Amino acid sequence: MDELNILTECALFWGLRRAQIREMLPCLSARQARFRRGQFLLRAGDRASSAGIILSGEAEVLQEDFWGNRNLLAAIGPGELFAEAFACAHAVSPVSVQCTTDGSVLYLNVRAVFSPCEKACAQHKTLLQNLIRVLAEKNMQLNEKAGFLSQRTTREKLLAYLSAQARRAGSASFRIPFDRQQRLRAAFPLRAVRGKNHPTCKATTLYTPWCKTTKRSFMSEKLVTKGIVLRATATKEADYILNILTDSLGRIAVVARGARRKGSRIAAGSELLAFSELVLYQRGNWYYLDEASTISLFDGIRQDIELLSLASYFAEMTGCVTAEDEPVPEILSLLLNSLYALDTLQKPQSIVKAAFELKFLALSGYEPLLDGCAVCGTHNPKEPVFDAQQGVLLCRECADHGGGGLLPLDAGSFAAMRHVLFSEPKRMLSFSLSGETEKRFAAACEVFAQVQLDRRFKTLDFYKSMKIDN
């Protein structure tokens, strides 16, 4: 098995070589199974007949109460055991094990370790000693957790846990096994597990806010994500309904209660185009904004009515085309980079606008074919023509036989369109145009967006009216 390297690191097989482990597996009735994210490897209430070893992927050990609220007990990865104590006693499991990623698991009949081996394996004794040691260590961990929970206040519980981790690491600086989202879930009961995992953080960044209690849920899960406000709609006396594009949840609707009140702590993060780290909780089908730490408000854009109207056009297009609850990190990155180019780099508005339109449509599934003439195949036509309706490039000779709605390009505007489509995101705007070339580039991208999306944007009309007035 290719997984033998992982098994050699498992506590159950300590001191055994690969060949010895391979020989022991038939004695333990080993069987391997694949699992998918969200699948339960063991459910609370089921009788555990086998222990499991994670070979690839990750899983969580969860405890669920009568009302469906969950506590995260442990996160396990490759080489780690689960359900060994329940399998030894052939007992009903009080916990569930649910995978958080795709992967595989090896199931073992650990009760066979306590019976004489028919093959008289020399390593049988070592395996029995390892199993006893694993069970003893788990018992010690449970006693340690009981000590944490016996503290009177939440602060004392956290300090007891961190103190134990510091002693174990022999240093005041250490890492704890859960990432940020898992620490939230470990601290509070949950109804569901949502959101993507964040990179492991140092213990000094431990974040444990209390959640509000409702009649339907004792605690509500809190999610931490980053996002930008695409639209803010006033509702009731002091609230906003925000349309936010996040990095991990996609585009979502968020209720910002009290955001319009003077001195509200979430007021800045509720403004149009505010990019913030958000703390959300969900109640029913709605997300609610609990905290917002602004990362960038793009002040340079807010101080210029033209830039603000252009940025609003970017936000309106993003909100209309992206789907709800589907993460699109590439589009979020494009929007932020485009706003940064207007706000800080002070790139020409026409170039940033055209580049955003073209790249946005490409990321949304409308990428034009600019490799060469769609009819004759010429790679670099001398007189390129862009067919916005079909989204293809034509040379002058082939375009003469086509229909209307064709946009003439020159070498510079054609090269700029290719650069926007095929360059790295950070270098998308690393070019300059002027004069007629710039106009052709801007016209081709705008017409392409209008034709493919088949809709008008009020913010674009307003932006054009501002340009005419100036």
Protein backbone atom coordinates (compact mmCIF):
# COMPACT_ATOMS: atom_id res chain seq x y z
CA MET A 1 0.00 0.00 0.00
CA ASP A 2 1.17 3.54 -0.75
CA GLU A 3 -0.35 4.54 2.58
CA LEU A 4 2.15 2.48 4.57
CA ASN A 5 4.29 5.59 5.08
CA ILE A 6 1.34 7.24 6.81
CA LEU A 7 0.66 4.17 8.95
CA THR A 8 4.26 4.12 10.20
CA GLU A 9 3.54 7.56 11.71
CA CYS A 10 0.31 6.41 13.34
CA ALA A 11 0.52 5.89 17.13
CA LEU A 12 -1.04 2.43 16.79
CA PHE A 13 1.91 1.17 14.68
CA TRP A 14 4.81 2.85 16.46
CA GLY A 15 7.95 0.71 16.43
CA LEU A 16 6.77 -1.44 13.50
CA ARG A 17 8.37 -1.53 10.07
CA ARG A 18 6.46 -1.32 6.80
CA ALA A 19 6.72 -5.06 6.19
CA GLN A 20 5.44 -5.84 9.68
CA ILE A 21 2.51 -3.45 9.25
CA ARG A 22 1.63 -5.01 5.90
CA GLU A 23 1.64 -8.44 7.58
CA MET A 24 -0.62 -7.23 10.42
CA LEU A 25 -3.32 -5.65 8.27
CA PRO A 26 -5.10 -8.91 7.31
CA CYS A 27 -5.18 -9.88 11.00
CA LEU A 28 -7.02 -6.63 11.74
CA SER A 29 -9.50 -7.09 8.88
CA ALA A 30 -8.26 -3.85 7.35
CA ARG A 31 -10.42 -2.24 4.70
CA GLN A 32 -9.94 1.07 2.95
CA ALA A 33 -12.76 3.45 2.00
CA ARG A 34 -12.97 6.76 0.17
CA PHE A 35 -15.07 9.60 1.49
CA ARG A 36 -16.21 12.99 0.30
CA ARG A 37 -16.44 16.31 2.07
CA GLY A 38 -19.44 16.43 4.41
CA GLN A 39 -19.76 12.64 4.64
CA PHE A 40 -20.06 11.09 8.11
CA LEU A 41 -17.49 8.43 8.95
CA LEU A 42 -19.29 7.69 12.22
CA ARG A 43 -22.59 8.98 13.57
CA ALA A 44 -23.54 9.46 17.19
CA GLY A 45 -25.80 6.60 18.27
CA ASP A 46 -24.14 4.03 16.01
CA ARG A 47 -22.32 1.08 17.53
CA ALA A 48 -18.62 1.35 16.72
CA SER A 49 -17.34 -1.95 15.35
CA SER A 50 -14.06 -0.64 13.91
CA ALA A 51 -11.53 2.07 14.60
CA GLY A 52 -10.46 4.35 11.78
CA ILE A 53 -7.17 5.89 10.63
CA ILE A 54 -7.27 8.93 8.35
CA LEU A 55 -5.04 8.21 5.34
CA SER A 56 -5.72 11.45 3.47
CA GLY A 57 -7.92 14.47 4.00
CA GLU A 58 -9.26 15.85 7.26
CA ALA A 59 -12.21 15.24 9.57
CA GLU A 60 -13.77 16.66 12.73
CA VAL A 61 -15.03 14.92 15.85
CA LEU A 62 -18.34 16.52 16.80
CA GLN A 63 -20.70 16.20 19.75
CA GLU A 64 -24.35 17.07 19.12
CA ASP A 65 -26.97 17.83 21.78
CA PHE A 66 -30.72 17.15 21.74
CA TRP A 67 -31.49 20.43 19.92
CA GLY A 68 -28.98 19.81 17.12
CA ASN A 69 -26.25 22.16 18.37
CA ARG A 70 -22.72 20.92 17.78
CA ASN A 71 -19.48 21.12 19.75
CA LEU A 72 -16.18 20.61 17.99
CA LEU A 73 -14.11 18.19 20.07
CA ALA A 74 -11.13 17.58 17.78
CA ALA A 75 -9.80 18.02 14.27
CA ILE A 76 -7.98 14.97 12.87
CA GLY A 77 -5.76 14.50 9.84
CA PRO A 78 -3.59 11.86 8.13
CA GLY A 79 -2.21 9.22 10.49
CA GLU A 80 -4.63 9.97 13.34
CA LEU A 81 -7.01 7.48 14.97
CA PHE A 82 -10.67 7.86 15.79
CA ALA A 83 -13.27 5.68 17.61
CA GLU A 84 -10.62 3.27 18.94
CA ALA A 85 -12.01 3.34 22.51
CA PHE A 86 -15.61 2.77 21.39
CA ALA A 87 -14.51 -0.01 19.02
CA CYS A 88 -12.61 -1.79 21.79
CA ALA A 89 -15.73 -1.82 23.96
CA HIS A 90 -18.05 -2.36 20.97
CA ALA A 91 -19.98 0.56 22.45
CA VAL A 92 -22.46 3.07 21.05
CA SER A 93 -20.59 6.17 19.96
CA PRO A 94 -21.61 9.43 21.70
CA VAL A 95 -19.84 11.52 19.03
CA SER A 96 -19.92 11.89 15.27
CA VAL A 97 -16.96 12.05 12.90
CA GLN A 98 -17.53 14.15 9.78
CA CYS A 99 -15.00 14.75 7.02
CA THR A 100 -14.20 18.33 6.06
CA THR A 101 -12.35 17.43 2.84
CA ASP A 102 -12.28 14.58 0.37
CA GLY A 103 -9.96 11.75 1.38
CA SER A 104 -9.68 8.14 2.51
CA VAL A 105 -9.78 6.15 5.76
CA LEU A 106 -8.54 2.73 6.84
CA TYR A 107 -10.92 0.80 9.13
CA LEU A 108 -9.44 -1.74 11.56
CA ASN A 109 -10.97 -4.34 13.88
CA VAL A 110 -8.95 -3.33 16.95
CA ARG A 111 -10.72 -5.92 19.14
CA ALA A 112 -8.62 -8.51 17.31
CA VAL A 113 -5.57 -7.08 19.11
CA PHE A 114 -6.83 -8.53 22.41
CA SER A 115 -7.22 -12.04 20.97
CA PRO A 116 -4.35 -14.49 20.32
CA CYS A 117 -3.11 -14.12 16.75
CA GLU A 118 -3.69 -17.23 14.61
CA LYS A 119 -0.54 -16.44 12.62
CA ALA A 120 1.48 -15.92 15.81
CA CYS A 121 2.72 -12.51 14.56
CA ALA A 122 5.80 -11.36 16.47
CA GLN A 123 4.59 -7.77 16.33
CA HIS A 124 1.22 -8.58 17.95
CA LYS A 125 2.57 -7.69 21.40
CA THR A 126 3.90 -4.34 20.16
CA LEU A 127 0.52 -3.53 18.65
CA LEU A 128 -1.24 -4.33 21.95
CA GLN A 129 1.16 -2.10 23.88
CA ASN A 130 0.63 0.75 21.44
CA LEU A 131 -3.15 0.46 21.69
CA ILE A 132 -3.02 0.54 25.50
CA ARG A 133 -0.75 3.58 25.37
CA VAL A 134 -3.10 5.37 22.92
CA LEU A 135 -6.10 4.72 25.18
CA ALA A 136 -4.15 5.89 28.24
CA GLU A 137 -3.07 9.11 26.50
CA LYS A 138 -6.66 9.81 25.43
CA ASN A 139 -7.76 9.34 29.03
CA MET A 140 -5.10 11.81 30.19
CA GLN A 141 -6.27 14.32 27.59
CA LEU A 142 -9.85 13.99 28.81
CA ASN A 143 -8.68 14.60 32.39
CA GLU A 144 -6.81 17.69 31.19
CA LYS A 145 -9.92 19.00 29.41
CA ALA A 146 -11.96 18.41 32.54
CA GLY A 147 -9.46 20.61 34.37
CA PHE A 148 -9.95 23.38 31.80
CA LEU A 149 -13.74 23.20 32.05
CA SER A 150 -13.68 23.22 35.84
CA GLN A 151 -12.48 26.84 35.79
CA ARG A 152 -15.20 29.30 36.74
CA THR A 153 -15.05 31.89 33.94
CA THR A 154 -14.44 31.74 30.21
CA ARG A 155 -11.29 33.80 30.67
CA GLU A 156 -9.94 31.32 33.21
CA LYS A 157 -10.81 28.40 30.92
CA LEU A 158 -8.91 29.98 28.02
CA LEU A 159 -5.93 30.88 30.16
CA ALA A 160 -5.76 27.35 31.55
CA TYR A 161 -5.78 25.92 28.02
CA LEU A 162 -3.15 28.37 26.72
CA SER A 163 -0.99 27.80 29.79
CA ALA A 164 -1.02 24.04 29.14
CA GLN A 165 -0.08 24.61 25.50
CA ALA A 166 2.79 26.89 26.53
CA ARG A 167 4.13 24.28 28.97
CA ARG A 168 3.87 21.61 26.29
CA ALA A 169 5.74 23.79 23.76
CA GLY A 170 8.29 24.98 26.33
CA SER A 171 7.84 28.54 25.03
CA ALA A 172 5.51 31.53 25.33
CA SER A 173 5.12 31.47 21.53
CA PHE A 174 3.32 28.43 20.11
CA ARG A 175 0.67 27.26 17.68
CA ILE A 176 -2.59 25.59 18.57
CA PRO A 177 -4.15 22.81 16.49
CA PHE A 178 -7.31 24.62 15.33
CA ASP A 179 -7.56 27.33 12.70
CA ARG A 180 -9.60 30.47 13.28
CA GLN A 181 -12.96 29.07 12.22
CA GLN A 182 -12.38 25.86 14.18
CA ARG A 183 -11.56 27.84 17.33
CA LEU A 184 -14.90 29.59 16.98
CA ARG A 185 -16.66 26.26 16.53
CA ALA A 186 -14.77 24.66 19.43
CA ALA A 187 -15.79 27.50 21.75
CA PHE A 188 -19.50 27.61 20.86
CA PRO A 189 -22.22 25.09 19.92
CA LEU A 190 -23.24 25.13 16.25
CA ARG A 191 -26.19 24.16 14.12
CA ALA A 192 -24.15 23.91 10.95
CA VAL A 193 -20.58 24.19 9.73
CA ARG A 194 -20.09 26.85 7.03
CA GLY A 195 -17.23 28.86 5.57
CA LYS A 196 -13.77 28.01 4.38
CA ASN A 197 -10.89 27.33 6.71
CA HIS A 198 -8.35 30.01 7.36
CA PRO A 199 -4.61 29.39 7.76
CA THR A 200 -3.53 28.33 11.24
CA CYS A 201 -3.01 31.36 13.46
CA LYS A 202 -0.94 31.87 16.58
CA ALA A 203 -2.68 31.51 19.88
CA THR A 204 -2.35 35.26 20.50
CA THR A 205 -4.97 35.81 17.75
CA LEU A 206 -7.58 33.63 19.45
CA TYR A 207 -11.00 35.13 18.72
CA THR A 208 -13.97 34.07 20.83
CA PRO A 209 -16.90 36.51 20.71
CA TRP A 210 -20.14 35.56 22.42
CA CYS A 211 -23.09 34.94 20.16
CA LYS A 212 -26.63 36.11 20.66
CA THR A 213 -29.22 33.65 21.92
CA THR A 214 -32.47 33.05 20.07
CA LYS A 215 -35.48 30.89 20.79
CA ARG A 216 -34.56 28.55 17.96
CA SER A 217 -30.84 28.32 18.62
CA PHE A 218 -28.94 28.62 21.87
CA MET A 219 -25.85 29.94 20.03
CA SER A 220 -25.35 31.16 16.46
CA GLU A 221 -22.27 30.35 14.47
CA LYS A 222 -20.03 33.30 13.72
CA LEU A 223 -18.18 33.47 10.42
CA VAL A 224 -15.12 35.57 9.67
CA THR A 225 -14.58 36.61 6.06
CA LYS A 226 -13.40 39.51 3.94
CA GLY A 227 -15.69 41.32 1.54
CA ILE A 228 -16.55 44.52 -0.30
CA VAL A 229 -19.93 46.26 -0.24
CA LEU A 230 -21.48 46.34 -3.73
CA ARG A 231 -24.75 47.99 -2.72
CA ALA A 232 -26.22 49.44 0.47
CA THR A 233 -30.01 49.76 0.68
CA ALA A 234 -31.53 51.73 3.57
CA THR A 235 -34.28 49.91 5.46
CA LYS A 236 -36.30 50.63 8.60
CA GLU A 237 -35.09 53.55 10.69
CA ALA A 238 -31.37 52.86 10.98
CA ASP A 239 -30.53 49.63 9.15
CA TYR A 240 -28.93 48.69 5.86
CA ILE A 241 -29.32 45.63 3.66
CA LEU A 242 -25.87 45.15 2.16
CA ASN A 243 -24.98 43.26 -0.99
CA ILE A 244 -21.45 42.04 -0.26
CA LEU A 245 -18.98 40.07 -2.38
CA THR A 246 -16.90 37.94 0.01
CA ASP A 247 -13.83 35.81 -0.57
CA SER A 248 -15.22 32.64 1.01
CA LEU A 249 -19.02 32.85 0.79
CA GLY A 250 -19.47 34.51 -2.58
CA ARG A 251 -22.06 37.28 -2.99
CA ILE A 252 -24.42 37.43 -0.02
CA ALA A 253 -27.10 39.71 1.44
CA VAL A 254 -26.26 40.99 4.91
CA VAL A 255 -28.42 42.93 7.37
CA ALA A 256 -26.45 45.69 9.12
CA ARG A 257 -28.59 46.64 12.10
CA GLY A 258 -28.12 50.17 13.37
CA ALA A 259 -25.46 50.98 10.76
CA ARG A 260 -27.07 54.36 10.00
CA ARG A 261 -27.04 55.48 13.62
CA LYS A 262 -24.49 58.06 14.66
CA GLY A 263 -21.48 56.41 16.24
CA SER A 264 -22.35 52.90 15.05
CA ARG A 265 -19.31 50.61 15.16
CA ILE A 266 -20.28 49.03 11.83
CA ALA A 267 -21.07 52.29 10.01
CA ALA A 268 -17.76 52.54 8.13
CA GLY A 269 -17.84 48.90 7.05
CA SER A 270 -21.38 49.35 5.71
CA GLU A 271 -20.51 52.07 3.21
CA LEU A 272 -20.53 51.44 -0.54
CA LEU A 273 -17.17 50.01 -1.73
CA ALA A 274 -15.89 49.49 1.83
CA PHE A 275 -13.53 46.50 1.90
CA SER A 276 -13.45 45.00 5.40
CA GLU A 277 -12.90 41.94 7.53
CA LEU A 278 -16.41 40.96 8.54
CA VAL A 279 -17.78 38.96 11.44
CA LEU A 280 -21.19 37.54 10.49
CA TYR A 281 -23.78 35.30 12.06
CA GLN A 282 -26.70 33.60 10.34
CA ARG A 283 -30.29 33.50 11.44
CA GLY A 284 -32.71 31.75 9.12
CA ASN A 285 -31.89 32.68 5.53
CA TRP A 286 -30.19 35.97 6.44
CA TYR A 287 -26.68 36.93 7.42
CA TYR A 288 -26.27 39.66 10.04
CA LEU A 289 -23.24 41.91 10.43
CA ASP A 290 -21.78 41.79 13.93
CA GLU A 291 -18.39 43.48 13.42
CA ALA A 292 -16.55 45.15 10.54
CA SER A 293 -12.86 46.08 10.56
CA THR A 294 -12.23 48.23 7.49
CA ILE A 295 -9.20 47.37 5.37
CA SER A 296 -9.70 50.04 2.70
CA LEU A 297 -12.36 52.67 2.05
CA PHE A 298 -10.74 53.90 -1.19
CA ASP A 299 -10.84 57.51 0.01
CA GLY A 300 -9.33 58.83 -3.21
CA ILE A 301 -12.31 57.46 -5.16
CA ARG A 302 -14.85 58.93 -2.73
CA GLN A 303 -13.40 62.42 -3.15
CA ASP A 304 -13.93 62.43 -6.94
CA ILE A 305 -17.46 62.16 -8.30
CA GLU A 306 -16.27 60.73 -11.64
CA LEU A 307 -14.17 58.04 -10.00
CA LEU A 308 -17.01 57.23 -7.59
CA SER A 309 -19.52 56.84 -10.43
CA LEU A 310 -17.09 54.61 -12.36
CA ALA A 311 -16.39 52.48 -9.29
CA SER A 312 -20.15 52.21 -8.70
CA TYR A 313 -20.49 50.90 -12.26
CA PHE A 314 -17.92 48.19 -11.45
CA ALA A 315 -19.91 47.29 -8.32
CA GLU A 316 -23.25 47.23 -10.15
CA MET A 317 -21.90 44.98 -12.91
CA THR A 318 -20.37 42.63 -10.34
CA GLY A 319 -23.60 42.42 -8.37
CA CYS A 320 -25.73 41.74 -11.45
CA VAL A 321 -23.58 39.03 -13.02
CA THR A 322 -22.20 37.03 -10.08
CA ALA A 323 -24.36 34.32 -8.55
CA GLU A 324 -25.32 34.24 -4.88
CA ASP A 325 -23.42 31.96 -2.49
CA GLU A 326 -20.80 30.99 -5.10
CA PRO A 327 -17.26 32.11 -4.18
CA VAL A 328 -15.51 33.91 -7.06
CA PRO A 329 -12.13 34.99 -5.65
CA GLU A 330 -10.78 35.91 -9.10
CA ILE A 331 -13.58 38.44 -9.64
CA LEU A 332 -13.14 39.86 -6.13
CA SER A 333 -9.42 40.27 -6.81
CA LEU A 334 -10.15 41.94 -10.17
CA LEU A 335 -12.55 44.41 -8.55
CA LEU A 336 -10.12 45.30 -5.75
CA ASN A 337 -7.19 45.69 -8.16
CA SER A 338 -9.27 47.93 -10.44
CA LEU A 339 -10.34 50.15 -7.54
CA TYR A 340 -6.73 50.31 -6.34
CA ALA A 341 -5.64 51.38 -9.83
CA LEU A 342 -8.13 54.25 -9.76
CA ASP A 343 -7.56 55.21 -6.13
CA THR A 344 -3.81 54.88 -5.63
CA LEU A 345 -2.12 54.28 -8.98
CA GLN A 346 -4.29 56.90 -10.70
CA LYS A 347 -4.39 54.95 -13.95
CA PRO A 348 -6.42 56.47 -16.82
CA GLN A 349 -10.11 55.90 -16.25
CA SER A 350 -10.81 54.71 -19.79
CA ILE A 351 -8.10 52.03 -19.64
CA VAL A 352 -9.11 50.75 -16.20
CA LYS A 353 -12.78 50.68 -17.25
CA ALA A 354 -12.10 48.79 -20.49
CA ALA A 355 -9.74 46.33 -18.84
CA PHE A 356 -12.25 45.62 -16.06
CA GLU A 357 -15.09 45.03 -18.54
CA LEU A 358 -13.07 42.67 -20.72
CA LYS A 359 -11.50 40.67 -17.89
CA PHE A 360 -14.72 40.54 -15.90
CA LEU A 361 -16.62 39.04 -18.84
CA ALA A 362 -13.82 36.55 -19.43
CA LEU A 363 -13.94 35.40 -15.79
CA SER A 364 -17.74 35.17 -16.00
CA GLY A 365 -17.68 32.79 -18.98
CA TYR A 366 -17.81 35.26 -21.89
CA GLU A 367 -14.13 35.21 -22.87
CA PRO A 368 -13.66 36.35 -26.49
CA LEU A 369 -11.48 34.38 -28.91
CA LEU A 370 -8.51 36.60 -29.73
CA ASP A 371 -5.93 33.98 -30.72
CA GLY A 372 -6.36 34.77 -34.41
CA CYS A 373 -8.88 35.36 -37.15
CA ALA A 374 -11.87 33.12 -36.55
CA VAL A 375 -12.26 32.50 -40.32
CA CYS A 376 -8.80 32.18 -41.90
CA GLY A 377 -6.77 31.59 -38.73
CA THR A 378 -4.25 34.42 -39.22
CA HIS A 379 -2.54 34.87 -35.85
CA ASN A 380 -1.68 38.58 -36.10
CA PRO A 381 -3.88 40.20 -38.75
CA LYS A 382 -2.60 43.55 -40.03
CA GLU A 383 -6.04 45.17 -39.83
CA PRO A 384 -7.83 43.39 -36.98
CA VAL A 385 -11.58 43.74 -36.54
CA PHE A 386 -13.52 42.70 -33.42
CA ASP A 387 -16.95 41.11 -33.73
CA ALA A 388 -18.56 42.02 -30.39
CA GLN A 389 -21.68 39.97 -31.09
CA GLN A 390 -19.81 36.71 -31.69
CA GLY A 391 -16.85 37.54 -29.45
CA VAL A 392 -14.26 36.70 -32.11
CA LEU A 393 -11.43 38.39 -33.98
CA LEU A 394 -11.48 38.81 -37.76
CA CYS A 395 -9.03 40.14 -40.29
CA ARG A 396 -10.17 42.90 -42.69
CA GLU A 397 -10.57 40.54 -45.63
CA CYS A 398 -12.78 38.12 -43.72
CA ALA A 399 -14.73 40.95 -42.06
CA ASP A 400 -15.74 42.34 -45.44
CA HIS A 401 -17.84 39.22 -46.00
CA GLY A 402 -19.49 39.41 -42.59
CA GLY A 403 -22.40 41.36 -41.18
CA GLY A 404 -22.57 44.65 -39.27
CA GLY A 405 -21.61 45.53 -35.70
CA LEU A 406 -17.88 45.12 -36.31
CA LEU A 407 -15.38 47.28 -34.42
CA PRO A 408 -12.09 48.18 -36.12
CA LEU A 409 -8.94 47.78 -34.05
CA ASP A 410 -5.33 48.69 -34.60
CA ALA A 411 -2.17 46.90 -33.50
CA GLY A 412 -2.05 48.71 -30.14
CA SER A 413 -5.67 48.17 -29.11
CA PHE A 414 -5.54 44.54 -30.28
CA ALA A 415 -2.36 43.92 -28.25
CA ALA A 416 -3.96 45.59 -25.21
CA MET A 417 -6.99 43.27 -25.35
CA ARG A 418 -4.73 40.24 -25.55
CA HIS A 419 -2.62 41.52 -22.69
CA VAL A 420 -5.67 41.98 -20.42
CA LEU A 421 -6.90 38.45 -21.15
CA PHE A 422 -3.65 36.52 -20.92
CA SER A 423 -1.39 38.42 -18.49
CA GLU A 424 -1.03 37.76 -14.77
CA PRO A 425 -3.61 39.63 -12.65
CA LYS A 426 -1.00 41.90 -11.06
CA ARG A 427 0.29 42.94 -14.49
CA MET A 428 -3.10 43.38 -16.17
CA LEU A 429 -2.81 47.19 -16.26
CA SER A 430 0.93 47.40 -16.93
CA PHE A 431 0.53 49.10 -20.32
CA SER A 432 -0.37 52.52 -21.67
CA LEU A 433 -2.36 53.76 -24.66
CA SER A 434 -3.23 57.14 -26.06
CA GLY A 435 -5.15 58.86 -28.82
CA GLU A 436 -7.15 56.80 -31.29
CA THR A 437 -5.70 53.52 -30.03
CA GLU A 438 -7.05 54.17 -26.52
CA LYS A 439 -10.49 55.07 -27.91
CA ARG A 440 -10.68 51.90 -30.00
CA PHE A 441 -9.67 49.75 -27.01
CA ALA A 442 -12.30 51.39 -24.77
CA ALA A 443 -15.04 51.18 -27.40
CA ALA A 444 -14.42 47.51 -28.18
CA CYS A 445 -14.56 46.47 -24.50
CA GLU A 446 -17.65 48.55 -23.67
CA VAL A 447 -19.65 47.36 -26.69
CA PHE A 448 -18.62 43.76 -25.99
CA ALA A 449 -19.94 44.07 -22.41
CA GLN A 450 -23.21 45.68 -23.51
CA VAL A 451 -23.87 43.10 -26.24
CA GLN A 452 -23.00 40.03 -24.19
CA LEU A 453 -24.81 41.08 -21.01
CA ASP A 454 -27.74 42.58 -22.93
CA ARG A 455 -28.60 45.17 -20.31
CA ARG A 456 -28.05 48.81 -19.41
CA PHE A 457 -26.40 49.98 -16.22
CA LYS A 458 -27.69 53.19 -14.62
CA THR A 459 -24.31 53.84 -13.05
CA LEU A 460 -22.65 53.70 -16.48
CA ASP A 461 -25.17 56.17 -17.88
CA PHE A 462 -24.47 58.50 -14.95
CA TYR A 463 -20.71 58.15 -15.43
CA LYS A 464 -21.03 59.06 -19.12
CA SER A 465 -23.17 62.08 -18.26
CA MET A 466 -20.45 63.26 -15.87
CA LYS A 467 -17.83 62.90 -18.61
CA ILE A 468 -19.97 64.94 -21.04
CA ASP A 469 -20.54 67.71 -18.48
CA ASN A 470 -16.77 67.95 -17.96
